[in-house]
N, C-alpha and C. Protein backbone atom coordinates (compact mmCIF):
# COMPACT_ATOMS: atom_id res chain seq x y z
N MET A 1 2.91 -68.13 11.18
CA MET A 1 3.43 -69.93 11.82
C MET A 1 4.52 -69.81 10.05
N ARG A 2 5.92 -69.95 11.35
CA ARG A 2 7.23 -70.21 10.67
C ARG A 2 6.76 -71.79 10.32
N SER A 3 8.11 -72.17 9.22
CA SER A 3 8.25 -73.84 8.57
C SER A 3 8.99 -73.83 9.68
N ASP A 4 8.89 -75.40 9.87
CA ASP A 4 9.41 -76.71 10.31
C ASP A 4 11.13 -76.51 9.46
N PRO A 5 12.20 -76.68 9.88
CA PRO A 5 13.42 -77.23 9.18
C PRO A 5 13.29 -78.04 8.91
N ARG A 6 12.52 -79.31 9.53
CA ARG A 6 12.65 -80.97 9.05
C ARG A 6 11.03 -81.50 8.06
N GLN A 7 10.24 -79.68 7.62
CA GLN A 7 9.79 -80.23 7.38
C GLN A 7 9.81 -80.31 5.97
N MET A 8 9.05 -81.06 4.45
CA MET A 8 9.65 -80.64 3.54
C MET A 8 8.29 -79.62 2.29
N VAL A 9 9.13 -79.07 2.02
CA VAL A 9 8.15 -77.97 0.81
C VAL A 9 7.60 -78.26 -0.03
N LEU A 10 6.81 -77.78 -0.45
CA LEU A 10 6.38 -78.29 -2.35
C LEU A 10 6.61 -77.30 -3.18
N ASP A 11 7.84 -76.78 -4.28
CA ASP A 11 7.93 -75.97 -4.89
C ASP A 11 6.86 -75.74 -6.04
N LEU A 12 6.20 -74.93 -6.06
CA LEU A 12 4.62 -74.67 -7.51
C LEU A 12 5.13 -74.39 -8.11
N PHE A 13 6.36 -73.33 -8.55
CA PHE A 13 6.39 -72.35 -9.53
C PHE A 13 8.04 -73.48 -9.44
N PRO A 14 8.36 -74.02 -9.97
CA PRO A 14 9.46 -74.60 -10.82
C PRO A 14 10.70 -74.29 -11.52
N GLU A 15 12.03 -73.46 -11.28
CA GLU A 15 12.68 -73.11 -11.72
C GLU A 15 12.82 -74.45 -13.77
N GLU A 16 12.46 -73.68 -14.83
CA GLU A 16 12.67 -74.80 -15.80
C GLU A 16 14.08 -75.06 -15.45
N ARG A 17 14.73 -76.43 -15.71
CA ARG A 17 15.84 -76.92 -15.72
C ARG A 17 16.83 -76.56 -17.53
N SER A 18 17.46 -76.48 -17.42
CA SER A 18 18.36 -76.96 -18.86
C SER A 18 18.04 -78.14 -19.36
N LYS A 19 17.98 -78.42 -20.53
CA LYS A 19 17.83 -79.59 -21.17
C LYS A 19 19.38 -80.40 -20.51
N GLU A 20 19.53 -81.72 -20.40
CA GLU A 20 20.72 -81.87 -20.80
C GLU A 20 20.92 -82.61 -22.26
N LYS A 21 22.44 -81.90 -22.23
CA LYS A 21 22.71 -82.38 -23.30
C LYS A 21 23.42 -83.68 -24.33
N SER A 22 23.19 -84.04 -25.63
CA SER A 22 23.91 -84.92 -25.95
C SER A 22 25.35 -85.08 -25.80
N PRO A 23 25.73 -86.58 -25.73
CA PRO A 23 27.16 -86.68 -25.70
C PRO A 23 27.93 -85.72 -26.64
N LEU A 24 27.46 -85.67 -27.59
CA LEU A 24 27.73 -85.27 -28.87
C LEU A 24 28.35 -83.22 -28.29
N GLU A 25 27.01 -83.47 -28.28
CA GLU A 25 27.03 -81.65 -28.04
C GLU A 25 28.20 -81.58 -26.44
N ALA A 26 27.61 -82.40 -24.95
CA ALA A 26 28.48 -82.01 -24.40
C ALA A 26 30.13 -82.33 -24.13
N CYS A 27 30.79 -82.91 -25.87
CA CYS A 27 32.11 -83.28 -25.79
C CYS A 27 32.38 -82.24 -26.37
N VAL A 28 31.57 -81.31 -27.64
CA VAL A 28 31.25 -80.26 -28.35
C VAL A 28 31.81 -78.83 -27.27
N SER A 29 31.08 -79.15 -26.37
CA SER A 29 31.24 -77.78 -25.82
C SER A 29 32.02 -77.43 -24.50
N TRP A 30 32.38 -79.40 -24.03
CA TRP A 30 33.74 -79.45 -23.56
C TRP A 30 34.97 -78.87 -24.36
N LEU A 31 35.36 -79.37 -25.32
CA LEU A 31 36.46 -78.64 -26.33
C LEU A 31 36.64 -76.93 -26.82
N ILE A 32 35.37 -76.66 -26.68
CA ILE A 32 35.10 -75.92 -27.48
C ILE A 32 35.95 -74.43 -25.64
N GLU A 33 35.01 -74.58 -25.01
CA GLU A 33 35.21 -73.96 -23.24
C GLU A 33 36.98 -74.43 -22.92
N VAL A 34 36.39 -75.37 -22.47
CA VAL A 34 38.34 -76.24 -21.06
C VAL A 34 38.91 -76.29 -22.03
N CYS A 35 38.99 -76.53 -23.66
CA CYS A 35 40.60 -75.82 -24.41
C CYS A 35 40.63 -75.13 -25.69
N GLY A 36 39.66 -74.32 -25.81
CA GLY A 36 39.43 -73.19 -26.74
C GLY A 36 40.02 -74.16 -28.29
N CYS A 37 39.04 -74.62 -28.25
CA CYS A 37 39.32 -75.14 -29.73
C CYS A 37 37.88 -74.55 -30.95
N ASP A 38 37.96 -73.87 -32.48
CA ASP A 38 37.35 -73.73 -32.82
C ASP A 38 35.95 -74.25 -32.99
N GLU A 39 34.66 -74.55 -32.51
CA GLU A 39 33.21 -74.90 -33.20
C GLU A 39 33.69 -75.71 -34.77
N SER A 40 34.15 -74.53 -35.54
CA SER A 40 33.27 -75.24 -37.08
C SER A 40 34.77 -75.80 -37.61
N ARG A 41 35.57 -76.31 -37.09
CA ARG A 41 37.30 -76.84 -36.93
C ARG A 41 36.45 -78.87 -36.16
N ILE A 42 36.31 -78.26 -35.23
CA ILE A 42 36.25 -79.60 -34.75
C ILE A 42 34.56 -80.24 -34.93
N ARG A 43 34.01 -79.46 -34.56
CA ARG A 43 32.52 -79.58 -35.00
C ARG A 43 32.19 -81.07 -36.03
N PRO A 44 32.30 -80.85 -37.29
CA PRO A 44 32.65 -82.90 -38.03
C PRO A 44 33.68 -83.34 -37.71
N LEU A 45 34.48 -83.45 -37.03
CA LEU A 45 35.10 -84.10 -36.22
C LEU A 45 34.91 -84.94 -35.44
N VAL A 46 33.92 -84.30 -34.68
CA VAL A 46 33.31 -85.33 -33.25
C VAL A 46 32.84 -85.61 -33.78
N ALA A 47 31.94 -85.01 -34.75
CA ALA A 47 30.36 -86.32 -34.73
C ALA A 47 31.06 -87.54 -36.06
N GLN A 48 32.17 -87.10 -36.39
CA GLN A 48 32.65 -88.69 -37.60
C GLN A 48 32.80 -89.90 -36.52
N CYS A 49 33.30 -88.94 -35.01
CA CYS A 49 33.66 -90.33 -33.72
C CYS A 49 32.91 -90.60 -33.55
N TYR A 50 31.99 -89.59 -33.11
CA TYR A 50 30.47 -90.52 -32.70
C TYR A 50 29.85 -91.33 -33.23
N GLU A 51 29.83 -91.51 -34.43
CA GLU A 51 29.73 -91.84 -35.69
C GLU A 51 29.97 -93.45 -36.03
N SER A 52 31.04 -93.43 -35.69
CA SER A 52 32.35 -94.02 -36.07
C SER A 52 32.71 -95.26 -34.60
N PHE A 53 32.39 -94.94 -33.61
CA PHE A 53 33.18 -95.23 -32.07
C PHE A 53 31.81 -95.39 -31.08
N GLY A 54 31.50 -95.91 -30.37
CA GLY A 54 30.86 -96.27 -29.30
C GLY A 54 30.74 -94.54 -28.02
N ARG A 55 29.96 -94.71 -27.82
CA ARG A 55 29.94 -93.23 -26.60
C ARG A 55 31.29 -92.93 -25.98
N ALA A 56 31.83 -94.03 -25.25
CA ALA A 56 33.06 -93.57 -24.93
C ALA A 56 33.82 -93.50 -25.00
N GLU A 57 34.19 -94.26 -25.80
CA GLU A 57 35.34 -94.36 -27.10
C GLU A 57 35.35 -93.23 -27.81
N ALA A 58 34.24 -92.88 -28.26
CA ALA A 58 34.11 -91.78 -29.58
C ALA A 58 34.34 -90.49 -28.34
N PHE A 59 34.84 -90.15 -27.20
CA PHE A 59 35.14 -88.70 -26.38
C PHE A 59 36.49 -89.03 -26.65
N ASP A 60 37.03 -90.12 -25.70
CA ASP A 60 38.33 -90.70 -25.77
C ASP A 60 38.96 -90.25 -26.92
N ARG A 61 38.12 -90.84 -27.88
CA ARG A 61 39.20 -90.18 -28.65
C ARG A 61 39.26 -88.92 -29.71
N ALA A 62 37.83 -87.87 -29.77
CA ALA A 62 37.66 -86.67 -29.47
C ALA A 62 38.52 -85.16 -29.22
N LYS A 63 38.90 -85.81 -27.66
CA LYS A 63 38.99 -85.39 -26.68
C LYS A 63 41.44 -84.84 -27.53
N GLU A 64 41.00 -85.76 -27.89
CA GLU A 64 42.69 -85.59 -28.31
C GLU A 64 42.66 -84.58 -29.46
N LEU A 65 41.30 -84.38 -29.81
CA LEU A 65 41.45 -83.47 -31.28
C LEU A 65 42.09 -81.94 -30.12
N GLU A 66 42.05 -81.74 -29.08
CA GLU A 66 42.42 -80.43 -28.21
C GLU A 66 44.25 -80.12 -28.26
N HIS A 67 44.81 -81.63 -29.18
CA HIS A 67 46.17 -81.84 -29.27
C HIS A 67 46.30 -80.59 -30.49
N PHE A 68 45.36 -80.98 -31.38
CA PHE A 68 45.02 -79.87 -33.27
C PHE A 68 44.68 -78.79 -33.22
N TYR A 69 44.07 -78.63 -32.65
CA TYR A 69 43.16 -77.39 -32.62
C TYR A 69 43.29 -76.18 -31.26
N GLY A 70 43.58 -76.71 -30.15
CA GLY A 70 43.07 -75.98 -29.07
C GLY A 70 44.33 -74.75 -28.64
N ARG A 71 44.06 -74.60 -28.05
CA ARG A 71 44.51 -73.25 -27.11
C ARG A 71 45.78 -73.50 -27.39
N HIS A 72 46.62 -74.82 -26.33
CA HIS A 72 47.90 -74.84 -26.57
C HIS A 72 48.19 -76.45 -27.06
N ALA A 73 48.02 -75.82 -28.58
CA ALA A 73 47.63 -77.21 -29.30
C ALA A 73 49.29 -77.65 -29.53
N THR A 74 49.81 -78.53 -30.11
CA THR A 74 50.97 -79.48 -30.82
C THR A 74 51.82 -78.61 -31.51
N PRO A 75 52.48 -77.52 -32.18
CA PRO A 75 53.02 -77.07 -32.69
C PRO A 75 52.41 -78.00 -34.52
N ARG A 76 53.74 -79.06 -34.11
CA ARG A 76 54.25 -80.33 -35.20
C ARG A 76 52.66 -80.99 -35.69
N LEU A 77 51.36 -80.83 -34.41
CA LEU A 77 49.67 -81.42 -35.16
C LEU A 77 49.15 -80.18 -35.31
N ARG A 78 49.47 -79.25 -35.29
CA ARG A 78 48.92 -77.97 -36.10
C ARG A 78 48.49 -78.38 -37.71
N ALA A 79 49.80 -79.36 -38.00
CA ALA A 79 49.81 -78.84 -39.57
C ALA A 79 49.68 -80.26 -40.55
N CYS A 80 49.23 -81.01 -39.46
CA CYS A 80 48.76 -82.53 -39.39
C CYS A 80 46.81 -83.03 -39.61
N PRO A 81 46.45 -83.87 -40.75
CA PRO A 81 44.74 -83.89 -39.82
C PRO A 81 44.85 -84.82 -39.30
N PRO A 82 43.54 -85.02 -38.03
CA PRO A 82 44.06 -85.62 -37.27
C PRO A 82 43.48 -87.25 -37.63
N SER A 83 43.31 -87.48 -38.38
CA SER A 83 43.08 -88.76 -39.58
C SER A 83 44.53 -89.78 -39.18
N LEU A 84 45.78 -89.15 -39.75
CA LEU A 84 47.38 -89.26 -40.23
C LEU A 84 47.78 -89.64 -38.38
N MET A 85 47.24 -89.35 -37.34
CA MET A 85 47.67 -90.47 -36.22
C MET A 85 46.71 -91.14 -36.03
N GLY A 86 45.72 -91.62 -36.69
CA GLY A 86 45.17 -92.90 -36.42
C GLY A 86 43.30 -92.07 -35.86
N MET A 87 42.99 -91.04 -35.63
CA MET A 87 42.17 -90.93 -34.45
C MET A 87 40.51 -91.59 -35.28
N PHE A 88 40.51 -92.06 -36.52
CA PHE A 88 39.38 -92.79 -37.27
C PHE A 88 39.38 -93.86 -37.36
N ASP A 89 40.54 -94.60 -37.21
CA ASP A 89 40.55 -95.64 -37.72
C ASP A 89 40.50 -96.69 -36.44
N PRO A 90 39.45 -98.16 -37.04
CA PRO A 90 39.00 -98.48 -35.69
C PRO A 90 40.08 -99.58 -35.28
N GLY A 91 41.49 -99.94 -36.50
CA GLY A 91 42.88 -101.24 -35.77
C GLY A 91 43.21 -100.23 -34.95
N ILE A 92 43.03 -99.63 -34.77
CA ILE A 92 44.41 -98.32 -33.98
C ILE A 92 44.12 -98.06 -32.00
N ASP A 93 44.79 -98.77 -32.04
CA ASP A 93 42.99 -98.77 -30.17
C ASP A 93 43.74 -96.42 -29.77
N TYR A 94 42.99 -96.60 -28.88
CA TYR A 94 42.76 -94.99 -28.97
C TYR A 94 43.82 -94.59 -27.49
N HIS A 95 44.16 -95.83 -26.96
CA HIS A 95 45.89 -95.45 -26.14
C HIS A 95 47.07 -95.14 -27.07
N THR A 96 47.10 -95.27 -28.21
CA THR A 96 47.44 -95.80 -29.50
C THR A 96 47.68 -93.87 -29.68
N LEU A 97 46.68 -93.81 -29.80
CA LEU A 97 46.77 -92.07 -30.34
C LEU A 97 47.22 -91.49 -29.17
N TRP A 98 46.31 -91.24 -27.69
CA TRP A 98 46.83 -90.34 -27.26
C TRP A 98 48.71 -90.59 -27.05
N ASP A 99 49.15 -91.56 -27.13
CA ASP A 99 50.49 -91.70 -27.55
C ASP A 99 51.72 -91.01 -28.35
N ARG A 100 50.41 -91.49 -29.34
CA ARG A 100 51.19 -90.70 -30.72
C ARG A 100 50.80 -88.93 -30.50
N CYS A 101 50.32 -88.04 -29.79
CA CYS A 101 49.97 -87.26 -29.76
C CYS A 101 51.04 -86.88 -28.84
N TRP A 102 51.20 -87.37 -27.88
CA TRP A 102 52.07 -86.88 -26.74
C TRP A 102 53.72 -86.94 -27.42
N ALA A 103 53.83 -88.09 -28.62
CA ALA A 103 55.02 -87.83 -28.72
C ALA A 103 55.48 -86.60 -29.71
N ALA A 104 54.47 -86.51 -30.40
CA ALA A 104 54.30 -85.00 -31.81
C ALA A 104 55.74 -83.79 -31.00
N LYS A 105 55.17 -84.64 -29.33
CA LYS A 105 56.01 -82.87 -28.36
C LYS A 105 56.71 -82.73 -29.07
N TRP A 106 57.53 -84.29 -29.09
CA TRP A 106 58.65 -84.20 -28.82
C TRP A 106 59.90 -84.76 -30.20
N VAL A 107 58.84 -85.36 -31.34
CA VAL A 107 59.86 -86.21 -31.61
C VAL A 107 59.15 -85.62 -33.01
N PRO A 108 60.00 -85.59 -34.38
CA PRO A 108 59.35 -84.58 -35.58
C PRO A 108 57.68 -86.42 -35.93
N LEU A 109 57.32 -85.26 -36.75
CA LEU A 109 56.00 -85.42 -37.15
C LEU A 109 55.79 -87.69 -37.59
N ARG A 110 56.83 -87.73 -38.35
CA ARG A 110 56.87 -88.64 -39.41
C ARG A 110 57.17 -89.89 -37.84
N GLU A 111 58.33 -89.41 -36.73
CA GLU A 111 58.45 -91.19 -36.18
C GLU A 111 57.36 -90.58 -35.25
N ALA A 112 56.79 -89.40 -34.91
CA ALA A 112 55.13 -89.76 -33.64
C ALA A 112 54.44 -90.90 -34.36
N MET A 113 53.54 -90.86 -36.29
CA MET A 113 53.29 -91.37 -36.69
C MET A 113 53.23 -93.20 -36.68
N GLU A 114 54.71 -93.78 -36.05
CA GLU A 114 55.16 -94.75 -35.71
C GLU A 114 55.31 -95.32 -34.76
N VAL A 115 54.47 -94.52 -33.47
CA VAL A 115 54.74 -94.92 -32.40
C VAL A 115 53.02 -95.49 -31.79
N LYS A 116 53.65 -97.06 -31.40
CA LYS A 116 52.55 -98.15 -31.26
C LYS A 116 52.49 -97.61 -29.64
N PHE A 117 53.35 -97.52 -28.56
CA PHE A 117 53.58 -97.36 -26.92
C PHE A 117 54.67 -96.75 -26.92
N TRP A 118 54.34 -95.01 -26.15
CA TRP A 118 55.41 -94.33 -26.00
C TRP A 118 55.49 -94.38 -24.38
N ASN A 119 56.72 -94.39 -23.73
CA ASN A 119 57.04 -94.91 -22.29
C ASN A 119 57.11 -93.35 -22.18
N TYR A 120 56.43 -92.99 -20.79
CA TYR A 120 56.52 -91.90 -20.20
C TYR A 120 57.12 -92.07 -19.29
N ASN A 121 58.30 -91.11 -19.36
CA ASN A 121 59.74 -91.11 -18.58
C ASN A 121 59.92 -89.96 -18.70
N TYR A 122 60.30 -88.88 -17.50
CA TYR A 122 60.88 -87.75 -17.39
C TYR A 122 62.42 -87.19 -16.72
N ARG A 123 63.02 -86.20 -17.06
CA ARG A 123 63.62 -85.93 -16.18
C ARG A 123 63.89 -85.50 -15.03
N GLU A 124 65.24 -85.41 -14.34
CA GLU A 124 65.31 -85.09 -12.83
C GLU A 124 66.22 -83.99 -12.75
N PRO A 125 65.95 -83.37 -11.73
CA PRO A 125 64.90 -82.26 -11.97
C PRO A 125 63.86 -82.24 -13.13
N TYR A 126 62.38 -82.68 -12.92
CA TYR A 126 61.52 -82.26 -13.69
C TYR A 126 61.50 -81.19 -14.69
N THR A 127 61.59 -81.32 -15.96
CA THR A 127 61.07 -80.10 -16.88
C THR A 127 59.75 -80.45 -17.87
N GLY A 128 59.34 -81.33 -17.73
CA GLY A 128 58.62 -81.44 -18.34
C GLY A 128 58.89 -82.33 -20.01
N ALA A 129 60.37 -82.37 -19.89
CA ALA A 129 61.06 -82.96 -21.35
C ALA A 129 60.98 -84.82 -20.54
N PRO A 130 60.86 -85.25 -21.68
CA PRO A 130 61.29 -86.89 -21.34
C PRO A 130 63.10 -87.14 -21.30
N ALA A 131 63.51 -87.75 -20.75
CA ALA A 131 65.18 -87.89 -20.29
C ALA A 131 65.24 -88.83 -22.35
N TYR A 132 64.22 -89.27 -22.47
CA TYR A 132 64.30 -89.61 -23.68
C TYR A 132 63.39 -90.88 -24.33
N VAL A 133 63.58 -90.20 -25.65
CA VAL A 133 62.78 -90.64 -26.63
C VAL A 133 62.29 -92.43 -26.82
N TRP A 134 61.41 -92.50 -25.94
CA TRP A 134 61.59 -94.57 -25.84
C TRP A 134 60.25 -94.40 -25.50
N TYR A 135 60.00 -95.61 -27.46
CA TYR A 135 58.80 -96.20 -27.47
C TYR A 135 58.77 -97.05 -29.03
N ILE A 136 57.30 -98.02 -28.75
CA ILE A 136 57.87 -99.06 -29.37
C ILE A 136 56.67 -98.43 -30.20
N ASP A 137 57.64 -99.65 -31.98
CA ASP A 137 57.19 -98.68 -32.41
C ASP A 137 56.11 -99.70 -33.40
N ASN A 138 55.97 -99.55 -34.89
CA ASN A 138 54.28 -100.46 -35.14
C ASN A 138 55.05 -102.14 -35.87
N GLU A 139 56.27 -102.16 -36.10
CA GLU A 139 56.76 -103.57 -36.13
C GLU A 139 57.21 -103.72 -34.99
N GLY A 140 57.04 -103.14 -33.25
CA GLY A 140 57.07 -103.92 -32.29
C GLY A 140 59.03 -104.12 -31.85
N ARG A 141 59.11 -102.79 -32.53
CA ARG A 141 60.66 -102.54 -32.23
C ARG A 141 60.85 -101.29 -31.26
N GLU A 142 61.74 -101.77 -30.06
CA GLU A 142 61.66 -100.93 -29.13
C GLU A 142 62.57 -99.34 -29.74
N VAL A 143 62.46 -98.61 -29.42
CA VAL A 143 63.15 -97.53 -30.10
C VAL A 143 63.67 -96.26 -28.77
N LYS A 144 65.01 -96.02 -28.17
CA LYS A 144 65.49 -95.58 -27.30
C LYS A 144 66.39 -95.18 -27.25
N ARG A 145 66.16 -93.91 -27.05
CA ARG A 145 67.55 -92.80 -27.34
C ARG A 145 67.79 -91.35 -26.18
N PRO A 146 68.51 -90.79 -25.79
CA PRO A 146 68.04 -89.51 -25.20
C PRO A 146 67.79 -88.27 -25.67
N TYR A 147 67.15 -87.95 -24.84
CA TYR A 147 65.77 -86.80 -25.85
C TYR A 147 67.16 -85.79 -25.81
N GLU A 148 66.97 -85.02 -26.73
CA GLU A 148 68.56 -83.40 -26.73
C GLU A 148 67.15 -82.69 -27.69
N GLY A 149 66.13 -82.29 -26.78
CA GLY A 149 65.62 -80.96 -27.87
C GLY A 149 65.98 -80.00 -26.28
């Protein structure tokens, strides 16, 4: 007897499904597999993010560990603990953390720690580098100067 393609089939011996990972484990796996981070360095930091913040914000903060410990880490950030950039500070918005990590590519680390909002601007034609170092600092002052890197 031939089966009809419109007929539903019951699988009596289904393959076992893999257990779904916890948000923390999924984040650690992503940082290791996609970003090339070392598990022993990031696991305690990711755990601290998940203990301190809600699930979504913890992931948004933890994925910045790529800039510190990933395959393509920013050289300046390799010498800096993530806590100095505001990784675990609830008074610092995670967007500010993102902007500081990005700014560290273009400005000295001390200056990157003062960034509250980075103005993303690019050279024409596009080279990846900004046309200006342009940001709002922690005091609310606008800093803008040509990028000479």
